[in-house]
């Protein structure tokens, strides 16, 4: 085993270990949420995942962005077959180990080249849309700073990886057109790399230089992929991994159906029927700290693990905000920001647990990031949930946070306070006695 193989194995094992550690930390953070059971109607869930996550059905609602995203998505999935060959070559010191397949191998690599070119162009167009055309949903305030840099960085990385793949093939083909540097390999004509070799004037370089370029691009490509793998778990691009389970676990209930709190339902049943015992509220332990059940959500511990997964899956695409009627009329609410704030708070809590070994109050909460004005601006129309490409539900988080404000903090809007008072006194939202409700229909 040569030095290059040893170096490659060390890099591969190290990157895999780092990815596994970071991913398990994300899993731990998600499971800080309330436990909910979601395993009903499995057939519908598999079909939904195949249609929305695999089939990208919600992406193509906007044809231009949808088509470009499908190219990048297909490139990410299919070109990984080529990565498998690189890993085998890197571990065993071989070169294009799958080339024994002959013409079929050429067809595969040729297809990968077309995909690589498509990904390159799609990412370039995405960069133009974000930074030159500046579509409204990409220049909103919540993307200032790292989120905007994160999005651009991943697009530049994709372009760099695709460029390395094509340059690697171009240098090797040009070298083999003159002298075959690898006795056990015969590389035939590919569709894109010869054009790149011509444009890059590779014909002016000697074979040793071409072989050096090929090796540099090979190492850059695989190291870039391993780095990209670990970048996923610290960026919004985690949706590449979480989109499938997030769609599978998404709610199959009507979007306008509000989920009742079991504790409140139990209390009401107990009041209506003395034979029904009131619900027992027992404290539970999360991350080494004792938690009591709250009405609604004050912090991430009060949300369900599915709601926390929603936050971690958010792609920050802004489709939710672009269709939000509250946002469109100038109100402060942005469903995308709700999800970003949920994710950021969860990561903040995770860092406290990493540092101290358990959860200790830090004087902050989810309400430290999301204002009451944002929460009360929501009309609960669910346009955001309908628009999300991976079935994220911002409305559920907003409703739980509202519940906390009303039921634990006694905070609400004046109009709602009047309505609640009327319900308490009159049994209806209107400020009239129950005996007077039908007077409007009295013909006299």
Protein backbone atom coordinates (compact mmCIF):
# COMPACT_ATOMS: atom_id res chain seq x y z
CA UNK A 1 0.00 0.00 0.00
CA UNK A 2 1.49 3.31 -1.15
CA UNK A 3 1.74 6.59 0.74
CA UNK A 4 -1.11 8.10 -1.29
CA UNK A 5 -3.45 5.24 -0.30
CA UNK A 6 -2.56 5.66 3.38
CA UNK A 7 -3.17 9.42 3.20
CA UNK A 8 -6.46 8.81 1.41
CA UNK A 9 -7.66 6.25 3.99
CA UNK A 10 -6.77 8.61 6.86
CA UNK A 11 -8.73 11.43 5.20
CA UNK A 12 -11.69 9.15 4.45
CA UNK A 13 -11.88 7.72 7.97
CA UNK A 14 -11.38 11.13 9.59
CA UNK A 15 -14.07 12.80 7.47
CA UNK A 16 -16.51 9.93 8.06
CA UNK A 17 -15.92 10.03 11.83
CA UNK A 18 -16.38 13.80 11.96
CA UNK A 19 -19.59 13.58 9.92
CA UNK A 20 -21.00 10.81 12.14
CA UNK A 21 -20.20 12.77 15.31
CA UNK A 22 -21.82 15.97 14.05
CA UNK A 23 -24.85 14.14 12.70
CA UNK A 24 -25.41 12.37 16.02
CA UNK A 25 -25.26 15.76 17.73
CA UNK A 26 -27.98 17.02 15.39
CA UNK A 27 -30.05 13.92 16.13
CA UNK A 28 -29.66 14.55 19.86
CA UNK A 29 -30.75 18.16 19.47
CA UNK A 30 -33.85 17.18 17.50
CA UNK A 31 -34.81 14.63 20.15
CA UNK A 32 -34.79 17.36 22.81
CA UNK A 33 -38.33 18.08 21.63
CA UNK A 34 -41.50 16.53 23.01
CA UNK A 35 -42.07 12.94 22.04
CA UNK A 36 -44.83 12.38 19.49
CA UNK A 37 -45.74 9.19 17.67
CA UNK A 38 -46.01 9.53 13.88
CA UNK A 39 -46.39 6.17 12.15
CA UNK A 40 -49.94 6.10 10.82
CA UNK A 41 -51.01 5.63 7.17
CA UNK A 42 -47.59 4.41 6.12
CA UNK A 43 -48.60 3.80 2.52
CA UNK A 44 -49.63 7.43 2.12
CA UNK A 45 -46.41 8.56 3.74
CA UNK A 46 -44.21 6.56 1.36
CA UNK A 47 -46.18 7.90 -1.59
CA UNK A 48 -45.89 11.45 -0.28
CA UNK A 49 -42.15 11.12 0.19
CA UNK A 50 -41.74 9.68 -3.31
CA UNK A 51 -43.75 12.51 -4.83
CA UNK A 52 -42.50 15.51 -2.82
CA UNK A 53 -38.96 14.63 -1.70
CA UNK A 54 -37.84 12.32 -4.49
CA UNK A 55 -40.04 13.64 -7.29
CA UNK A 56 -39.54 17.33 -6.40
CA UNK A 57 -43.22 17.97 -7.13
CA UNK A 58 -43.37 21.19 -5.12
CA UNK A 59 -40.19 22.57 -6.63
CA UNK A 60 -41.55 22.61 -10.19
CA UNK A 61 -44.46 24.84 -9.18
CA UNK A 62 -41.94 27.54 -10.10
CA UNK A 63 -40.66 26.06 -13.37
CA UNK A 64 -37.33 27.87 -13.79
CA UNK A 65 -36.05 27.32 -10.25
CA UNK A 66 -37.61 23.84 -10.19
CA UNK A 67 -35.90 22.72 -13.42
CA UNK A 68 -32.52 24.05 -12.30
CA UNK A 69 -32.87 22.44 -8.87
CA UNK A 70 -33.71 19.07 -10.44
CA UNK A 71 -30.48 19.26 -12.47
CA UNK A 72 -28.45 19.97 -9.33
CA UNK A 73 -30.36 17.29 -7.40
CA UNK A 74 -29.84 14.67 -10.12
CA UNK A 75 -26.18 15.60 -10.40
CA UNK A 76 -25.69 15.26 -6.66
CA UNK A 77 -27.30 11.81 -6.61
CA UNK A 78 -25.99 10.28 -9.84
CA UNK A 79 -22.45 11.63 -9.86
CA UNK A 80 -21.95 9.89 -6.50
CA UNK A 81 -21.53 6.70 -8.53
CA UNK A 82 -18.31 8.23 -9.83
CA UNK A 83 -17.33 9.04 -6.22
CA UNK A 84 -17.59 5.32 -5.43
CA UNK A 85 -14.94 4.62 -8.06
CA UNK A 86 -12.72 7.37 -6.66
CA UNK A 87 -12.96 5.87 -3.17
CA UNK A 88 -12.01 2.41 -4.46
CA UNK A 89 -9.09 3.86 -6.41
CA UNK A 90 -7.98 5.89 -3.42
CA UNK A 91 -8.03 2.96 -0.99
CA UNK A 92 -6.42 0.35 -3.26
CA UNK A 93 -4.17 2.60 -5.32
CA UNK A 94 -5.87 1.67 -8.61
CA UNK A 95 -6.84 4.01 -11.42
CA UNK A 96 -10.34 4.03 -12.93
CA UNK A 97 -11.03 0.59 -11.54
CA UNK A 98 -14.43 0.40 -13.26
CA UNK A 99 -13.07 1.02 -16.76
CA UNK A 100 -13.16 -2.73 -17.40
CA UNK A 101 -16.82 -2.17 -18.35
CA UNK A 102 -15.60 -0.69 -21.61
CA UNK A 103 -18.19 1.17 -23.63
CA UNK A 104 -20.70 1.19 -20.79
CA UNK A 105 -18.12 2.89 -18.59
CA UNK A 106 -17.62 5.56 -21.25
CA UNK A 107 -21.38 6.02 -21.40
CA UNK A 108 -21.52 6.47 -17.62
CA UNK A 109 -18.70 9.00 -17.46
CA UNK A 110 -20.12 10.77 -20.51
CA UNK A 111 -23.48 11.05 -18.75
CA UNK A 112 -21.73 12.35 -15.65
CA UNK A 113 -19.99 14.99 -17.73
CA UNK A 114 -23.29 16.25 -19.13
CA UNK A 115 -24.69 16.33 -15.61
CA UNK A 116 -21.59 18.11 -14.31
CA UNK A 117 -21.98 20.75 -17.00
CA UNK A 118 -25.67 21.10 -16.13
CA UNK A 119 -24.89 21.49 -12.42
CA UNK A 120 -22.20 24.06 -13.22
CA UNK A 121 -24.59 26.15 -15.31
CA UNK A 122 -27.48 25.79 -12.84
CA UNK A 123 -25.32 26.95 -9.93
CA UNK A 124 -24.06 29.89 -11.99
CA UNK A 125 -27.67 30.90 -12.73
CA UNK A 126 -28.57 30.56 -9.05
CA UNK A 127 -25.68 32.89 -8.19
CA UNK A 128 -26.96 35.43 -10.71
CA UNK A 129 -30.49 35.20 -9.29
CA UNK A 130 -29.20 35.79 -5.77
CA UNK A 131 -26.51 38.40 -6.32
CA UNK A 132 -27.22 40.26 -9.56
CA UNK A 133 -30.96 40.03 -10.23
CA UNK A 134 -31.48 39.95 -6.44
CA UNK A 135 -34.90 38.33 -6.26
CA UNK A 136 -36.83 39.77 -3.32
CA UNK A 137 -36.91 36.56 -1.27
CA UNK A 138 -33.11 36.33 -1.45
CA UNK A 139 -32.36 39.83 -0.16
CA UNK A 140 -34.62 39.95 2.88
CA UNK A 141 -33.25 41.02 6.24
CA UNK A 142 -33.16 37.56 7.84
CA UNK A 143 -30.58 36.46 5.24
CA UNK A 144 -28.09 39.20 6.13
CA UNK A 145 -24.71 37.92 7.23
CA UNK A 146 -23.92 34.22 7.38
CA UNK A 147 -27.13 32.87 5.71
CA UNK A 148 -26.40 34.74 2.48
CA UNK A 149 -22.72 33.78 2.61
CA UNK A 150 -23.69 30.17 3.29
CA UNK A 151 -25.89 30.01 0.20
CA UNK A 152 -23.24 31.56 -2.05
CA UNK A 153 -20.47 29.42 -0.61
CA UNK A 154 -22.23 26.19 -1.43
CA UNK A 155 -22.92 27.32 -5.00
CA UNK A 156 -19.26 28.24 -5.53
CA UNK A 157 -18.24 24.89 -4.02
CA UNK A 158 -20.50 22.99 -6.42
CA UNK A 159 -19.03 24.89 -9.36
CA UNK A 160 -15.49 24.16 -8.13
CA UNK A 161 -16.20 20.43 -7.70
CA UNK A 162 -17.75 20.11 -11.14
CA UNK A 163 -14.87 22.06 -12.67
CA UNK A 164 -12.35 19.74 -11.02
CA UNK A 165 -14.18 16.66 -12.34
CA UNK A 166 -14.23 17.98 -15.92
CA UNK A 167 -10.64 19.25 -15.81
CA UNK A 168 -9.49 15.90 -14.44
CA UNK A 169 -11.03 14.09 -17.41
CA UNK A 170 -9.78 16.69 -19.89
CA UNK A 171 -6.16 16.45 -18.70
CA UNK A 172 -6.22 12.64 -18.76
CA UNK A 173 -7.75 12.40 -22.22
CA UNK A 174 -5.24 14.88 -23.62
CA UNK A 175 -2.37 12.93 -22.09
CA UNK A 176 -3.62 9.62 -23.40
CA UNK A 177 -4.10 11.01 -26.86
CA UNK A 178 -0.30 11.17 -27.03
CA UNK A 179 1.17 8.71 -24.56
CA UNK A 180 -0.80 6.33 -22.38
CA UNK A 181 0.46 7.08 -18.86
CA UNK A 182 -1.47 4.25 -17.20
CA UNK A 183 -0.81 0.93 -18.89
CA UNK A 184 -3.95 -0.76 -17.55
CA UNK A 185 -6.38 1.98 -18.57
CA UNK A 186 -7.87 2.93 -21.91
CA UNK A 187 -10.04 6.02 -21.84
CA UNK A 188 -12.22 6.70 -24.85
CA UNK A 189 -13.83 9.91 -25.99
CA UNK A 190 -16.08 11.78 -23.56
CA UNK A 191 -18.49 14.53 -24.69
CA UNK A 192 -17.42 17.59 -22.64
CA UNK A 193 -13.82 17.16 -21.48
CA UNK A 194 -12.22 17.26 -24.98
CA UNK A 195 -13.82 20.66 -25.55
CA UNK A 196 -12.47 21.85 -22.20
CA UNK A 197 -9.02 20.49 -23.09
CA UNK A 198 -9.10 22.49 -26.33
CA UNK A 199 -10.32 25.71 -24.68
CA UNK A 200 -7.74 25.36 -21.89
CA UNK A 201 -4.99 24.81 -24.47
CA UNK A 202 -3.94 21.52 -22.87
CA UNK A 203 -2.30 20.57 -26.19
CA UNK A 204 0.49 23.01 -25.34
CA UNK A 205 1.39 21.13 -22.15
CA UNK A 206 3.66 18.11 -21.86
CA UNK A 207 2.38 14.75 -20.60
CA UNK A 208 3.93 15.05 -17.12
CA UNK A 209 2.21 18.41 -16.58
CA UNK A 210 -1.09 16.97 -17.75
CA UNK A 211 -0.71 14.04 -15.36
CA UNK A 212 0.04 16.47 -12.52
CA UNK A 213 -3.12 18.48 -13.34
CA UNK A 214 -5.14 15.25 -13.40
CA UNK A 215 -3.84 14.23 -9.95
CA UNK A 216 -4.40 17.70 -8.46
CA UNK A 217 -7.97 17.75 -9.75
CA UNK A 218 -8.55 14.17 -8.50
CA UNK A 219 -7.42 15.05 -4.98
CA UNK A 220 -9.26 18.38 -5.01
CA UNK A 221 -12.46 16.64 -6.12
CA UNK A 222 -12.46 13.94 -3.45
CA UNK A 223 -11.23 16.19 -0.63
CA UNK A 224 -13.84 18.74 -1.68
CA UNK A 225 -16.57 16.10 -1.50
CA UNK A 226 -15.46 14.96 1.97
CA UNK A 227 -15.34 18.59 3.13
CA UNK A 228 -18.76 19.19 1.58
CA UNK A 229 -20.14 16.18 3.45
CA UNK A 230 -19.09 17.73 6.75
CA UNK A 231 -20.21 21.19 5.71
CA UNK A 232 -23.75 19.88 5.23
CA UNK A 233 -24.26 19.35 8.94
CA UNK A 234 -23.38 22.94 9.85
CA UNK A 235 -25.32 24.70 7.09
CA UNK A 236 -28.80 25.02 5.66
CA UNK A 237 -27.88 22.30 3.19
CA UNK A 238 -28.63 19.73 5.84
CA UNK A 239 -31.96 19.48 4.00
CA UNK A 240 -30.16 17.21 1.52
CA UNK A 241 -30.20 14.56 4.25
CA UNK A 242 -33.30 15.51 6.27
CA UNK A 243 -35.76 16.30 3.46
CA UNK A 244 -36.79 12.65 3.00
CA UNK A 245 -37.58 11.84 6.65
CA UNK A 246 -39.10 15.28 7.17
CA UNK A 247 -41.59 14.74 4.35
CA UNK A 248 -42.32 11.18 5.51
CA UNK A 249 -43.21 12.42 9.00
CA UNK A 250 -45.21 15.43 7.83
CA UNK A 251 -48.80 15.77 9.01
CA UNK A 252 -51.48 14.07 6.93
CA UNK A 253 -54.28 15.94 8.68
CA UNK A 254 -56.07 18.88 7.01
CA UNK A 255 -53.79 21.89 7.21
CA UNK A 256 -56.47 23.98 8.92
CA UNK A 257 -56.95 21.47 11.75
CA UNK A 258 -55.53 22.79 15.02
CA UNK A 259 -54.03 20.11 17.24
CA UNK A 260 -55.58 20.04 20.71
CA UNK A 261 -53.44 19.84 23.82
CA UNK A 262 -54.07 16.52 25.56
CA UNK A 263 -53.77 18.14 28.97
CA UNK A 264 -56.41 20.77 28.21
CA UNK A 265 -58.70 18.18 26.65
CA UNK A 266 -58.30 16.01 29.74
CA UNK A 267 -59.12 18.92 32.06
CA UNK A 268 -62.28 19.77 30.09
CA UNK A 269 -63.46 16.14 30.10
CA UNK A 270 -62.81 15.96 33.83
CA UNK A 271 -64.90 19.09 34.46
CA UNK A 272 -67.78 17.82 32.31
CA UNK A 273 -67.73 14.34 33.82
CA UNK A 274 -66.66 13.91 37.47
CA UNK A 275 -66.05 10.23 36.76
CA UNK A 276 -63.13 11.16 34.51
CA UNK A 277 -60.01 11.79 36.59
CA UNK A 278 -58.03 14.93 35.81
CA UNK A 279 -54.81 14.40 33.86
CA UNK A 280 -51.71 13.71 35.90
CA UNK A 281 -48.84 16.06 35.09
CA UNK A 282 -45.50 14.52 35.97
CA UNK A 283 -42.18 16.28 35.41
CA UNK A 284 -39.79 14.68 32.96
CA UNK A 285 -36.06 14.91 32.42
CA UNK A 286 -34.50 16.32 29.25
CA UNK A 287 -30.74 16.70 28.81
CA UNK A 288 -30.20 16.19 32.54
CA UNK A 289 -32.69 18.88 33.56
CA UNK A 290 -36.16 18.42 35.01
CA UNK A 291 -38.86 19.88 32.77
CA UNK A 292 -42.47 20.63 33.62
CA UNK A 293 -45.16 20.55 30.98
CA UNK A 294 -46.16 23.98 29.73
CA UNK A 295 -49.23 25.25 27.97
CA UNK A 296 -47.81 26.04 24.56
CA UNK A 297 -44.16 26.60 23.77
CA UNK A 298 -41.75 28.86 25.60
CA UNK A 299 -38.58 27.19 24.35
CA UNK A 300 -37.49 24.44 21.99
CA UNK A 301 -38.09 21.78 24.67
CA UNK A 302 -41.83 22.54 24.43
CA UNK A 303 -41.97 21.87 20.70
CA UNK A 304 -42.22 18.34 19.32
CA UNK A 305 -39.20 16.62 17.80
CA UNK A 306 -40.93 16.89 14.41
CA UNK A 307 -41.18 20.66 14.77
CA UNK A 308 -37.47 20.78 15.62
CA UNK A 309 -36.73 18.61 12.60
CA UNK A 310 -38.68 21.14 10.53
CA UNK A 311 -36.34 23.85 11.78
CA UNK A 312 -33.23 21.82 10.95
CA UNK A 313 -34.60 20.92 7.49
CA UNK A 314 -35.38 24.48 6.40
CA UNK A 315 -33.69 25.29 3.08
CA UNK A 316 -34.08 29.06 3.56
CA UNK A 317 -35.49 29.25 0.04
CA UNK A 318 -38.09 31.81 1.14
CA UNK A 319 -41.00 30.35 -0.80
CA UNK A 320 -43.03 30.37 2.42
CA UNK A 321 -42.40 34.06 3.03
CA UNK A 322 -43.04 34.98 -0.61
CA UNK A 323 -46.64 33.70 -0.36
CA UNK A 324 -47.35 34.83 3.22
CA UNK A 325 -50.22 37.38 3.10
CA UNK A 326 -49.04 39.02 6.32
CA UNK A 327 -45.56 39.54 4.91
CA UNK A 328 -46.91 40.72 1.55
CA UNK A 329 -48.89 43.45 3.32
CA UNK A 330 -45.80 44.74 5.10
CA UNK A 331 -46.17 43.04 8.47
CA UNK A 332 -43.12 41.82 10.35
CA UNK A 333 -43.89 38.11 10.03
CA UNK A 334 -41.63 35.95 7.85
CA UNK A 335 -42.29 32.19 8.12
CA UNK A 336 -38.73 31.55 6.94
CA UNK A 337 -37.38 33.59 9.86
CA UNK A 338 -39.56 31.60 12.27
CA UNK A 339 -37.87 28.40 11.11
CA UNK A 340 -34.39 29.94 11.10
CA UNK A 341 -34.91 31.27 14.63
CA UNK A 342 -36.11 27.86 15.80
CA UNK A 343 -33.03 26.20 14.34
CA UNK A 344 -30.67 28.83 15.75
CA UNK A 345 -32.17 28.56 19.22
CA UNK A 346 -31.92 24.76 19.08
CA UNK A 347 -28.25 24.98 18.12
CA UNK A 348 -27.71 27.50 20.93
CA UNK A 349 -29.25 25.06 23.42
CA UNK A 350 -27.12 22.24 21.99
CA UNK A 351 -23.95 24.24 22.58
CA UNK A 352 -24.88 24.78 26.23
CA UNK A 353 -25.37 21.01 26.63
CA UNK A 354 -22.05 20.32 24.89
CA UNK A 355 -20.24 22.77 27.16
CA UNK A 356 -21.82 21.87 30.51
CA UNK A 357 -22.76 18.24 29.92
CA UNK A 358 -26.43 18.97 30.62
CA UNK A 359 -28.98 21.70 30.10
CA UNK A 360 -28.76 24.73 32.38
CA UNK A 361 -30.97 27.78 31.99
CA UNK A 362 -29.26 30.52 30.01
CA UNK A 363 -31.87 33.21 30.55
CA UNK A 364 -33.07 32.97 26.95
CA UNK A 365 -35.92 31.25 25.16
CA UNK A 366 -37.49 30.94 21.74
CA UNK A 367 -39.44 34.10 22.55
CA UNK A 368 -36.12 35.94 22.86
CA UNK A 369 -35.75 35.56 19.09
CA UNK A 370 -39.35 35.67 17.86
CA UNK A 371 -41.40 38.73 18.80
CA UNK A 372 -45.07 38.88 19.74
CA UNK A 373 -45.69 41.11 16.73
CA UNK A 374 -44.47 38.35 14.43
CA UNK A 375 -46.59 35.70 16.14
CA UNK A 376 -49.85 37.68 16.10
CA UNK A 377 -49.39 38.74 12.46
CA UNK A 378 -49.99 35.15 11.32
CA UNK A 379 -53.45 34.51 9.83
CA UNK A 380 -53.01 30.70 10.07
CA UNK A 381 -53.87 30.43 6.37
CA UNK A 382 -51.15 27.75 5.90
CA UNK A 383 -49.98 29.22 2.60
CA UNK A 384 -46.41 28.82 3.90
CA UNK A 385 -46.86 25.11 4.62
CA UNK A 386 -48.43 24.56 1.22
CA UNK A 387 -45.55 26.32 -0.54
CA UNK A 388 -42.68 24.61 1.31
CA UNK A 389 -40.82 22.15 -0.93
CA UNK A 390 -40.16 19.81 2.03
CA UNK A 391 -43.48 20.15 3.92
CA UNK A 392 -42.24 22.30 6.82
CA UNK A 393 -45.02 23.67 9.04
CA UNK A 394 -44.24 27.13 10.51
CA UNK A 395 -47.88 27.60 11.57
CA UNK A 396 -47.67 24.80 14.15
CA UNK A 397 -44.76 26.52 15.89
CA UNK A 398 -46.50 29.90 15.76
CA UNK A 399 -49.67 28.46 17.29
CA UNK A 400 -47.77 26.76 20.12
CA UNK A 401 -45.91 29.96 20.91
CA UNK A 402 -49.18 31.90 20.90
CA UNK A 403 -50.65 29.38 23.32
CA UNK A 404 -47.82 30.04 25.73
CA UNK A 405 -48.38 33.80 25.54
CA UNK A 406 -52.11 33.49 26.18
CA UNK A 407 -52.26 30.61 28.64
CA UNK A 408 -49.09 31.18 30.67
CA UNK A 409 -48.27 34.88 30.25
CA UNK A 410 -51.84 36.22 29.80
CA UNK A 411 -50.63 38.23 26.81
CA UNK A 412 -52.79 38.75 23.77
CA UNK A 413 -54.07 41.38 21.38
CA UNK A 414 -56.85 43.74 22.67
CA UNK A 415 -59.37 42.46 20.12
CA UNK A 416 -58.68 38.89 21.15
CA UNK A 417 -58.89 39.81 24.84
CA UNK A 418 -62.40 41.19 24.26
CA UNK A 419 -63.37 38.07 22.39
CA UNK A 420 -62.07 35.78 25.13
CA UNK A 421 -63.93 37.81 27.76
CA UNK A 422 -67.14 37.49 25.75
CA UNK A 423 -66.64 33.74 25.42
CA UNK A 424 -66.14 33.48 29.18
CA UNK A 425 -69.16 35.62 30.06
CA UNK A 426 -71.56 34.97 27.21
CA UNK A 427 -70.46 31.64 25.79
CA UNK A 428 -69.86 33.27 22.40
CA UNK A 429 -67.44 35.78 20.82
CA UNK A 430 -70.15 38.46 20.57
CA UNK A 431 -70.89 41.01 23.28
CA UNK A 432 -74.50 40.06 23.82
CA UNK A 433 -76.44 37.83 26.16
CA UNK A 434 -77.22 34.32 25.00
CA UNK A 435 -80.95 35.13 25.06
CA UNK A 436 -80.43 37.92 22.54
CA UNK A 437 -78.46 36.01 19.93
CA UNK A 438 -81.36 35.33 17.56
CA UNK A 439 -82.97 38.76 17.76
CA UNK A 440 -81.46 39.67 14.41
CA UNK A 441 -83.78 37.10 12.81
CA UNK A 442 -86.93 38.38 14.52
CA UNK A 443 -89.19 39.77 11.74
CA UNK A 444 -90.76 42.19 14.20
